[in-house]
Amino acid sequence: MKKMNNEGYRRFRTAMSLALMLLLTTNFSCKTVNSEKKKEHPNLTKLKAHSSEFTPEIIALGHNVYTAVGFDGSNTSMIVGEDGVIIIDALRALGAAEKVAVKFREITPKPVKAIVYTHGHGDHTGGASAFITNEKDVIIIAREGFKEELQDLSPVGEVLKRRNARQFGRNLPKKDIINRGVAPGYTSKDRVGQGYLPPNRTFNDSLFIKVAGVQLELYAADGETNDQLFVWTPQLKTLFSGDNYYKAFPNLYAIRGSRYRDVKEWGESIMKMSGFPVEHLVPGHTRPLSGKHRIHQCLDNYGTAILSVYDQTIKCMNDGYSLQQTVDHVKLPKTLAEQPNLQEFYGMIPWGVRSIYLHYVGWFDGSPSNLLPLSEMSEAKHMIEMVGGERKMLQYVKDAIKESSFQWALQLTDYLVCVGYEKAKVIDLRILILKSLASQQLNAPARNYYLSCAYELEN
């Protein structure tokens, strides 16, 4: 009995030691998992902090200019004149515009004398009627060619709409929404576009006009759109830049799909703005800036950055670089790359480079390998055969995920998707990869696109 008791005690002690080790291991694993859950990529933290740009507020710039920020996807402004007001841009949703119009009327009951559209994008034009009550003969000003390049008029409008939804994360669950780089993550859906009023006064190069005692100077300024303009008010020392300037690296190309945006003209338009003695700068998105020196610096580094990307791309092309070699080569100088208003929250340099390159030479980059490339299926079969079969390729995908080489993993899954191997497993891996890529993104459109594609696969 004594021997049995000793043996029982020994077993009990061993069991307790194992249990304790298991408990410690489990606790450590839980702590590790929890720690990993709490650990956030610095880019995501930075993108979240950028949301402060879209805190809803009516911002007074001096005594006669008021800008509404964060009420919709863009800004709208009111200039108070002697016997009326001027509205610069009009938001996207009529419901959002009505809320701002109420706040503007609390500041002044003066009637609207004019509305200026800085360009034709719907997020700047859709709520115009909200600002007009019983007013008659309101001047509505825009450039010639207004709205001609919009996706609604495109023969591929359907695919552009799908890509638009992905870029802006319109169908993402609320928990995954941060912001859109130059706009809040969620914007009003209340009667989108239903307040649009067409322009009744257009111009080509420039227009000088006095409205409600306020002198307005409007200048054509190609950039994010080819119908873009900016508004300068000499008396108020305030400049309204439209979408040619905002606090993020510019979207030289929109991944939703867009016509070529004249990058050289865009940079030159910014340089032209920087020549005015601006004391208040009102962007089409993000918060206004005040202070002559600060504004000049911001406009100067913005224009310099755009022209640097353009000049570097053109040089690489003339030096015989392929498209991908050019993308890999073009970088902003460190002094520009570190500027707060040039962070890639919205546009990305590689997207701009690709757009410039293809604009000048079309789809063929000069490499004979790209003259008549293999079909996707043929390339996929050759690659899979080269690595030793589908199972081996799948293992390469898993290895790449373990090493956090998510872009490489995503490209490898393209081959497996093409041949239809282990469809359910590969789709699950693609979802994981897309979400992993999104979790590292500073750029809001890229993050939204990755996540949107992941959710489309899930559903």
Protein backbone atom coordinates (compact mmCIF):
# COMPACT_ATOMS: atom_id res chain seq x y z
CA MET A 1 0.00 0.00 0.00
CA LYS A 2 2.85 2.34 0.91
CA LYS A 3 4.55 1.68 -2.44
CA MET A 4 1.30 2.29 -4.25
CA ASN A 5 0.83 5.57 -2.39
CA ASN A 6 4.31 6.72 -3.35
CA GLU A 7 3.70 5.80 -6.97
CA GLY A 8 0.37 7.55 -6.88
CA TYR A 9 1.98 10.62 -5.40
CA ARG A 10 4.70 10.58 -8.07
CA ARG A 11 2.07 10.35 -10.81
CA PHE A 12 0.03 13.08 -9.16
CA ARG A 13 3.07 15.35 -8.96
CA THR A 14 3.95 14.66 -12.62
CA ALA A 15 0.39 15.32 -13.68
CA MET A 16 0.30 18.57 -11.73
CA SER A 17 3.59 19.68 -13.30
CA LEU A 18 2.28 18.94 -16.76
CA ALA A 19 -0.95 20.72 -15.99
CA LEU A 20 0.95 23.73 -14.73
CA MET A 21 3.14 23.76 -17.82
CA LEU A 22 0.06 23.50 -20.01
CA LEU A 23 -1.59 26.31 -18.08
CA LEU A 24 1.45 28.52 -18.39
CA THR A 25 1.79 27.70 -22.07
CA THR A 26 -1.89 28.39 -22.64
CA ASN A 27 -1.70 31.66 -20.76
CA PHE A 28 1.40 32.65 -22.69
CA SER A 29 -0.30 31.75 -25.97
CA CYS A 30 -3.36 33.75 -25.00
CA LYS A 31 -1.20 36.69 -24.02
CA THR A 32 0.70 36.39 -27.29
CA VAL A 33 -2.52 36.26 -29.32
CA ASN A 34 -4.00 39.15 -27.35
CA SER A 35 -0.78 41.08 -27.76
CA GLU A 36 -0.85 40.43 -31.51
CA LYS A 37 -4.45 41.53 -31.67
CA LYS A 38 -3.57 44.79 -29.94
CA LYS A 39 -0.52 45.34 -32.09
CA GLU A 40 -1.46 47.54 -35.01
CA HIS A 41 0.60 48.39 -38.05
CA PRO A 42 1.95 51.97 -37.79
CA ASN A 43 0.41 52.82 -41.17
CA LEU A 44 -3.05 51.96 -39.89
CA THR A 45 -2.51 54.04 -36.76
CA LYS A 46 -1.43 56.96 -38.94
CA LEU A 47 -4.47 56.57 -41.22
CA LYS A 48 -6.78 56.57 -38.20
CA ALA A 49 -5.19 59.77 -36.89
CA HIS A 50 -5.83 61.35 -40.30
CA SER A 51 -9.59 61.05 -39.60
CA SER A 52 -9.31 64.24 -37.52
CA GLU A 53 -9.29 66.10 -40.86
CA PHE A 54 -12.97 65.21 -41.26
CA THR A 55 -14.40 66.20 -37.88
CA PRO A 56 -17.71 67.95 -38.74
CA GLU A 57 -17.34 71.69 -38.22
CA ILE A 58 -18.18 75.07 -39.71
CA ILE A 59 -14.82 76.85 -39.82
CA ALA A 60 -14.69 80.65 -39.98
CA LEU A 61 -11.88 82.11 -42.09
CA GLY A 62 -11.86 85.79 -41.23
CA HIS A 63 -15.28 87.44 -40.97
CA ASN A 64 -16.87 86.60 -44.30
CA VAL A 65 -15.81 83.07 -45.30
CA TYR A 66 -17.18 79.89 -43.74
CA THR A 67 -16.26 76.34 -44.72
CA ALA A 68 -18.25 73.23 -43.77
CA VAL A 69 -15.94 70.26 -43.27
CA GLY A 70 -16.90 66.65 -42.53
CA PHE A 71 -20.64 66.85 -43.23
CA ASP A 72 -20.25 64.87 -46.47
CA GLY A 73 -17.45 63.60 -48.67
CA SER A 74 -16.22 67.08 -49.64
CA ASN A 75 -16.22 70.67 -48.42
CA THR A 76 -18.70 73.43 -49.16
CA SER A 77 -18.04 77.10 -48.43
CA MET A 78 -20.01 80.32 -48.07
CA ILE A 79 -18.70 83.80 -48.84
CA VAL A 80 -20.80 86.55 -47.27
CA GLY A 81 -21.15 89.62 -49.44
CA GLU A 82 -22.98 92.95 -49.13
CA ASP A 83 -26.46 91.79 -50.12
CA GLY A 84 -26.07 88.05 -50.54
CA VAL A 85 -23.80 85.02 -50.34
CA ILE A 86 -21.77 82.90 -52.73
CA ILE A 87 -21.59 79.11 -52.34
CA ILE A 88 -18.43 77.32 -53.48
CA ASP A 89 -19.22 73.64 -54.20
CA ALA A 90 -22.35 71.91 -52.96
CA LEU A 91 -21.60 68.44 -51.48
CA ARG A 92 -22.89 65.11 -52.83
CA ALA A 93 -26.08 64.25 -50.95
CA LEU A 94 -29.00 66.64 -50.83
CA GLY A 95 -29.72 65.57 -47.23
CA ALA A 96 -26.21 66.51 -46.09
CA ALA A 97 -26.36 69.81 -47.99
CA GLU A 98 -29.68 70.71 -46.32
CA LYS A 99 -28.08 70.32 -42.88
CA VAL A 100 -25.21 72.61 -43.83
CA ALA A 101 -27.56 75.12 -45.45
CA VAL A 102 -29.43 75.45 -42.13
CA LYS A 103 -26.14 76.18 -40.35
CA PHE A 104 -25.14 78.72 -43.00
CA ARG A 105 -28.49 80.52 -42.60
CA GLU A 106 -27.89 80.72 -38.86
CA ILE A 107 -24.78 82.73 -39.69
CA THR A 108 -26.56 85.00 -42.19
CA PRO A 109 -30.04 85.04 -43.74
CA LYS A 110 -28.75 86.77 -46.88
CA PRO A 111 -29.90 85.11 -50.11
CA VAL A 112 -27.67 83.08 -52.40
CA LYS A 113 -26.50 85.11 -55.37
CA ALA A 114 -24.16 82.58 -56.98
CA ILE A 115 -22.94 78.98 -56.79
CA VAL A 116 -19.52 78.05 -58.14
CA TYR A 117 -18.62 74.46 -59.02
CA THR A 118 -14.86 73.94 -58.86
CA HIS A 119 -15.31 70.83 -61.05
CA GLY A 120 -17.91 68.30 -62.13
CA HIS A 121 -17.45 65.42 -59.66
CA GLY A 122 -20.76 64.50 -58.05
CA ASP A 123 -19.49 64.97 -54.51
CA HIS A 124 -19.20 68.71 -55.24
CA THR A 125 -22.43 69.27 -57.14
CA GLY A 126 -25.18 66.99 -55.83
CA GLY A 127 -26.70 69.20 -53.13
CA ALA A 128 -26.86 72.62 -54.81
CA SER A 129 -30.64 73.15 -54.52
CA ALA A 130 -30.44 72.93 -50.72
CA PHE A 131 -28.78 76.35 -50.55
CA ILE A 132 -31.46 78.08 -52.63
CA THR A 133 -34.88 78.84 -51.10
CA ASN A 134 -36.89 81.49 -52.95
CA GLU A 135 -33.97 83.07 -54.74
CA LYS A 136 -34.27 83.78 -58.45
CA ASP A 137 -31.63 84.42 -61.08
CA VAL A 138 -28.89 82.63 -59.15
CA ILE A 139 -25.70 82.52 -61.21
CA ILE A 140 -24.28 78.97 -61.36
CA ILE A 141 -20.72 79.03 -62.65
CA ALA A 142 -18.51 76.27 -64.06
CA ARG A 143 -15.90 75.75 -66.76
CA GLU A 144 -16.59 74.83 -70.36
CA GLY A 145 -16.56 71.05 -70.74
CA PHE A 146 -18.10 70.68 -67.28
CA LYS A 147 -18.80 67.04 -66.31
CA GLU A 148 -17.80 65.69 -69.74
CA GLU A 149 -15.43 63.07 -68.32
CA LEU A 150 -17.74 61.63 -65.65
CA GLN A 151 -18.14 57.86 -65.37
CA ASP A 152 -21.91 58.16 -65.89
CA LEU A 153 -21.20 59.06 -69.50
CA SER A 154 -18.70 56.23 -70.04
CA PRO A 155 -19.50 53.12 -72.11
CA VAL A 156 -17.92 51.09 -69.29
CA GLY A 157 -19.91 52.84 -66.56
CA GLU A 158 -20.95 49.58 -64.89
CA VAL A 159 -17.43 48.39 -64.19
CA LEU A 160 -16.43 51.89 -63.06
CA LYS A 161 -19.29 51.89 -60.54
CA ARG A 162 -18.14 48.55 -59.10
CA ARG A 163 -14.58 49.77 -58.81
CA ASN A 164 -15.77 53.06 -57.35
CA ALA A 165 -17.56 51.16 -54.58
CA ARG A 166 -14.39 49.22 -53.83
CA GLN A 167 -12.13 52.29 -53.81
CA PHE A 168 -14.35 54.14 -51.36
CA GLY A 169 -15.31 51.07 -49.31
CA ARG A 170 -19.00 51.81 -49.82
CA ASN A 171 -20.06 48.23 -49.04
CA LEU A 172 -17.71 47.54 -46.14
CA PRO A 173 -19.15 46.73 -42.70
CA LYS A 174 -19.00 49.62 -40.26
CA LYS A 175 -16.30 47.98 -38.14
CA ASP A 176 -13.85 48.12 -41.04
CA ILE A 177 -14.42 51.73 -42.05
CA ILE A 178 -11.73 54.28 -41.17
CA ASN A 179 -11.72 57.08 -43.76
CA ARG A 180 -11.34 57.54 -47.50
CA GLY A 181 -8.07 59.46 -47.43
CA VAL A 182 -9.71 62.79 -48.28
CA ALA A 183 -13.15 62.18 -46.81
CA PRO A 184 -14.90 60.55 -43.86
CA GLY A 185 -15.25 56.79 -44.09
CA TYR A 186 -19.02 57.04 -44.21
CA THR A 187 -20.95 59.70 -46.11
CA SER A 188 -24.64 60.48 -46.42
CA LYS A 189 -26.84 58.44 -48.77
CA ASP A 190 -29.77 60.81 -48.34
CA ARG A 191 -30.88 61.73 -51.88
CA VAL A 192 -27.45 61.55 -53.47
CA GLY A 193 -27.15 63.92 -56.43
CA GLN A 194 -30.80 64.97 -56.31
CA GLY A 195 -29.99 68.62 -55.65
CA TYR A 196 -27.83 69.13 -58.71
CA LEU A 197 -28.46 72.30 -60.71
CA PRO A 198 -26.77 72.75 -64.10
CA PRO A 199 -24.50 75.75 -64.66
CA ASN A 200 -25.86 78.79 -66.50
CA ARG A 201 -22.55 80.63 -66.83
CA THR A 202 -19.38 79.02 -68.18
CA PHE A 203 -15.94 80.24 -69.26
CA ASN A 204 -12.79 78.96 -70.93
CA ASP A 205 -9.62 80.43 -69.44
CA SER A 206 -10.67 82.91 -66.77
CA LEU A 207 -13.64 84.88 -65.48
CA PHE A 208 -13.57 88.05 -63.37
CA ILE A 209 -16.96 88.81 -61.88
CA LYS A 210 -18.34 90.82 -58.95
CA VAL A 211 -21.15 89.15 -56.99
CA ALA A 212 -22.78 90.70 -53.90
CA GLY A 213 -19.95 93.22 -53.84
CA VAL A 214 -17.30 90.47 -53.75
CA GLN A 215 -14.75 90.35 -56.55
CA LEU A 216 -14.21 86.78 -57.78
CA GLU A 217 -11.37 85.71 -60.04
CA LEU A 218 -11.90 82.25 -61.53
CA TYR A 219 -9.09 80.49 -63.38
CA ALA A 220 -9.08 77.31 -65.45
CA ALA A 221 -6.70 74.86 -63.77
CA ASP A 222 -6.48 71.34 -65.20
CA GLY A 223 -5.57 68.75 -62.58
CA GLU A 224 -7.62 66.08 -60.89
CA THR A 225 -10.21 66.77 -63.60
CA ASN A 226 -9.99 68.52 -66.94
CA ASP A 227 -12.83 70.87 -65.96
CA GLN A 228 -11.16 72.05 -62.73
CA LEU A 229 -10.98 75.71 -61.69
CA PHE A 230 -9.81 77.66 -58.67
CA VAL A 231 -11.37 80.77 -57.14
CA TRP A 232 -9.33 83.72 -55.85
CA THR A 233 -10.93 86.51 -53.81
CA PRO A 234 -8.50 89.48 -53.68
CA GLN A 235 -10.44 91.35 -50.97
CA LEU A 236 -10.58 88.33 -48.66
CA LYS A 237 -7.16 86.91 -49.58
CA THR A 238 -8.85 83.49 -49.78
CA LEU A 239 -8.27 80.86 -52.47
CA PHE A 240 -10.55 77.89 -53.16
CA SER A 241 -8.45 75.18 -54.81
CA GLY A 242 -11.09 72.59 -55.65
CA ASP A 243 -9.63 69.10 -55.79
CA ASN A 244 -6.25 70.14 -57.13
CA TYR A 245 -5.02 70.48 -53.54
CA TYR A 246 -5.90 68.59 -50.35
CA LYS A 247 -3.90 67.26 -47.42
CA ALA A 248 -2.69 64.02 -49.00
CA PHE A 249 -0.52 63.02 -51.94
CA PRO A 250 -2.71 63.75 -54.98
CA ASN A 251 -4.62 61.03 -56.76
CA LEU A 252 -2.79 61.36 -60.06
CA TYR A 253 -4.69 58.24 -61.10
CA ALA A 254 -7.86 56.86 -59.48
CA ILE A 255 -7.91 53.07 -59.12
CA ARG A 256 -11.65 53.14 -59.73
CA GLY A 257 -10.70 53.97 -63.32
CA SER A 258 -10.31 57.44 -64.81
CA ARG A 259 -9.19 59.22 -67.92
CA TYR A 260 -5.65 60.56 -67.94
CA ARG A 261 -5.22 63.41 -65.50
CA ASP A 262 -2.72 65.82 -66.98
CA VAL A 263 0.00 65.54 -64.35
CA LYS A 264 2.22 68.27 -65.80
CA GLU A 265 -0.70 70.71 -66.02
CA TRP A 266 -1.72 69.76 -62.49
CA GLY A 267 1.68 70.65 -61.09
CA GLU A 268 1.71 73.91 -63.01
CA SER A 269 -1.80 74.77 -61.76
CA ILE A 270 -0.56 74.42 -58.18
CA MET A 271 2.45 76.61 -58.92
CA LYS A 272 0.13 79.25 -60.34
CA MET A 273 -1.91 79.19 -57.10
CA SER A 274 1.25 79.59 -55.03
CA GLY A 275 1.90 82.92 -56.75
CA PHE A 276 -1.10 84.61 -55.10
CA PRO A 277 -0.77 86.29 -51.66
CA VAL A 278 -3.08 83.71 -50.08
CA GLU A 279 -3.91 84.01 -46.39
CA HIS A 280 -6.62 81.33 -46.33
CA LEU A 281 -6.60 78.21 -48.52
CA VAL A 282 -9.79 76.13 -48.83
CA PRO A 283 -9.24 72.67 -50.38
CA GLY A 284 -12.00 70.61 -51.94
CA HIS A 285 -11.35 68.04 -49.18
CA THR A 286 -9.64 68.19 -45.74
CA ARG A 287 -9.48 71.22 -43.49
CA PRO A 288 -8.63 74.77 -44.61
CA LEU A 289 -5.22 76.31 -44.00
CA SER A 290 -4.41 79.82 -42.76
CA GLY A 291 -1.17 81.79 -42.73
CA LYS A 292 0.54 83.18 -45.82
CA HIS A 293 3.94 81.53 -45.26
CA ARG A 294 2.48 78.14 -44.36
CA ILE A 295 0.15 78.13 -47.38
CA HIS A 296 2.93 79.13 -49.78
CA GLN A 297 5.12 76.31 -48.45
CA CYS A 298 2.32 73.74 -48.77
CA LEU A 299 1.42 74.76 -52.32
CA ASP A 300 5.06 74.93 -53.36
CA ASN A 301 5.99 71.48 -52.05
CA TYR A 302 2.77 70.04 -53.52
CA GLY A 303 3.42 71.40 -57.00
CA THR A 304 7.10 70.47 -56.79
CA ALA A 305 6.20 66.88 -55.83
CA ILE A 306 3.76 66.47 -58.71
CA LEU A 307 6.24 67.85 -61.24
CA SER A 308 9.03 65.70 -59.76
CA VAL A 309 7.01 62.52 -60.36
CA TYR A 310 6.25 63.68 -63.91
CA ASP A 311 9.85 64.67 -64.75
CA GLN A 312 11.35 61.47 -63.28
CA THR A 313 8.87 59.31 -65.19
CA ILE A 314 9.60 61.04 -68.49
CA LYS A 315 13.37 60.71 -67.92
CA CYS A 316 13.08 57.00 -67.16
CA MET A 317 11.01 56.46 -70.29
CA ASN A 318 13.56 58.29 -72.45
CA ASP A 319 16.34 56.26 -70.82
CA GLY A 320 14.64 53.07 -72.01
CA TYR A 321 13.21 51.84 -68.72
CA SER A 322 10.31 49.38 -68.84
CA LEU A 323 7.07 50.26 -67.09
CA GLN A 324 7.88 48.29 -63.95
CA GLN A 325 11.46 49.56 -63.87
CA THR A 326 10.12 53.11 -64.02
CA VAL A 327 7.64 52.41 -61.21
CA ASP A 328 10.46 50.97 -59.11
CA HIS A 329 12.75 53.93 -59.80
CA VAL A 330 10.56 57.01 -59.25
CA LYS A 331 10.64 58.30 -55.67
CA LEU A 332 10.11 61.65 -54.03
CA PRO A 333 13.18 63.27 -52.49
CA LYS A 334 13.22 62.70 -48.73
CA THR A 335 12.55 66.38 -47.98
CA LEU A 336 9.27 66.13 -49.90
CA ALA A 337 8.32 62.58 -48.89
CA GLU A 338 8.30 63.61 -45.21
CA GLN A 339 5.96 66.59 -45.67
CA PRO A 340 2.62 66.13 -43.80
CA ASN A 341 0.57 67.22 -46.83
CA LEU A 342 2.26 64.69 -49.13
CA GLN A 343 1.53 61.49 -47.21
CA GLU A 344 -0.02 58.82 -49.44
CA PHE A 345 -3.41 58.74 -47.72
CA TYR A 346 -5.23 59.08 -51.05
CA GLY A 347 -2.97 58.95 -54.10
CA MET A 348 0.15 56.82 -54.56
CA ILE A 349 3.26 57.58 -56.56
CA PRO A 350 3.34 54.21 -58.41
CA TRP A 351 -0.23 54.76 -59.66
CA GLY A 352 0.71 58.17 -61.01
CA VAL A 353 3.84 56.81 -62.69
CA ARG A 354 1.86 54.07 -64.45
CA SER A 355 -0.71 56.59 -65.63
CA ILE A 356 1.92 58.94 -67.09
CA TYR A 357 3.81 56.08 -68.77
CA LEU A 358 0.74 54.56 -70.41
CA HIS A 359 -0.56 57.97 -71.46
CA TYR A 360 2.51 58.64 -73.57
CA VAL A 361 3.22 55.21 -75.07
CA GLY A 362 0.06 53.15 -74.54
CA TRP A 363 -0.04 49.58 -73.26
CA PHE A 364 3.24 48.41 -74.84
CA ASP A 365 6.25 49.38 -72.76
CA GLY A 366 8.85 48.39 -75.35
CA SER A 367 9.88 45.05 -73.85
CA PRO A 368 9.67 42.23 -76.45
CA SER A 369 8.43 39.91 -73.70
CA ASN A 370 5.29 42.01 -73.47
CA LEU A 371 4.60 42.21 -77.20
CA LEU A 372 2.59 38.96 -77.37
CA PRO A 373 2.54 37.58 -73.81
CA LEU A 374 1.19 34.16 -72.93
CA SER A 375 -2.45 33.84 -71.93
CA GLU A 376 -3.12 33.81 -68.19
CA MET A 377 -3.99 30.10 -68.33
CA SER A 378 -0.86 29.20 -70.25
CA GLU A 379 1.40 31.17 -67.93
CA ALA A 380 -0.31 29.66 -64.88
CA LYS A 381 0.19 26.10 -66.14
CA HIS A 382 3.86 26.73 -66.94
CA MET A 383 4.52 28.30 -63.53
CA ILE A 384 2.75 25.51 -61.66
CA GLU A 385 4.61 22.86 -63.64
CA MET A 386 7.92 24.62 -62.98
CA VAL A 387 7.47 24.59 -59.19
CA GLY A 388 6.40 20.93 -59.15
CA GLY A 389 2.61 20.97 -59.36
CA GLU A 390 -0.44 22.55 -57.78
CA ARG A 391 0.17 21.10 -54.32
CA LYS A 392 3.68 22.51 -54.29
CA MET A 393 2.43 25.90 -55.45
CA LEU A 394 -0.15 25.90 -52.67
CA GLN A 395 2.64 25.22 -50.18
CA TYR A 396 4.61 28.16 -51.58
CA VAL A 397 1.56 30.32 -50.93
CA LYS A 398 1.37 29.15 -47.32
CA ASP A 399 5.11 29.70 -46.85
CA ALA A 400 4.82 33.22 -48.22
CA ILE A 401 1.99 33.96 -45.78
CA LYS A 402 4.10 32.72 -42.86
CA GLU A 403 6.89 35.05 -43.97
CA SER A 404 4.38 37.94 -44.30
CA SER A 405 5.19 38.19 -48.02
CA PHE A 406 1.56 38.94 -48.72
CA GLN A 407 1.92 40.53 -52.17
CA TRP A 408 3.93 37.54 -53.38
CA ALA A 409 1.37 35.17 -51.87
CA LEU A 410 -1.46 37.02 -53.62
CA GLN A 411 0.28 36.81 -56.99
CA LEU A 412 0.92 33.09 -56.52
CA THR A 413 -2.75 32.46 -55.76
CA ASP A 414 -3.58 34.06 -59.13
CA TYR A 415 -2.11 30.97 -60.81
CA LEU A 416 -4.09 28.54 -58.65
CA VAL A 417 -7.31 30.48 -59.19
CA CYS A 418 -6.69 30.42 -62.93
CA VAL A 419 -6.45 26.61 -63.07
CA GLY A 420 -9.23 26.12 -60.51
CA TYR A 421 -7.16 24.09 -58.02
CA GLU A 422 -8.66 23.51 -54.53
CA LYS A 423 -10.98 26.43 -55.11
CA ALA A 424 -12.40 26.74 -51.58
CA LYS A 425 -8.98 26.52 -49.91
CA VAL A 426 -7.39 29.01 -52.29
CA ILE A 427 -10.25 31.48 -51.87
CA ASP A 428 -9.89 31.26 -48.08
CA LEU A 429 -6.18 31.99 -48.43
CA ARG A 430 -6.85 34.93 -50.76
CA ILE A 431 -9.28 36.39 -48.23
CA LEU A 432 -6.63 36.09 -45.51
CA ILE A 433 -3.98 37.65 -47.77
CA LEU A 434 -6.20 40.55 -48.86
CA LYS A 435 -7.10 41.38 -45.26
CA SER A 436 -3.43 41.16 -44.29
CA LEU A 437 -2.47 43.58 -47.05
CA ALA A 438 -5.25 45.93 -45.95
CA SER A 439 -4.00 45.86 -42.36
CA GLN A 440 -0.67 47.36 -43.47
CA GLN A 441 -2.01 50.12 -45.70
CA LEU A 442 -1.57 53.85 -45.20
CA ASN A 443 -3.46 54.50 -48.44
CA ALA A 444 -7.21 54.51 -47.84
CA PRO A 445 -8.34 53.59 -51.39
CA ALA A 446 -5.90 50.65 -51.51
CA ARG A 447 -7.06 49.47 -48.07
CA ASN A 448 -10.71 49.78 -49.07
CA TYR A 449 -10.09 47.94 -52.33
CA TYR A 450 -8.33 45.02 -50.65
CA LEU A 451 -11.05 44.68 -48.01
CA SER A 452 -13.88 45.04 -50.51
CA CYS A 453 -12.43 42.25 -52.67
CA ALA A 454 -12.03 40.07 -49.57
CA TYR A 455 -15.69 40.56 -48.57
CA GLU A 456 -16.85 39.89 -52.11
CA LEU A 457 -15.06 36.54 -51.95
CA GLU A 458 -16.60 35.75 -48.56
CA ASN A 459 -20.10 36.53 -49.75
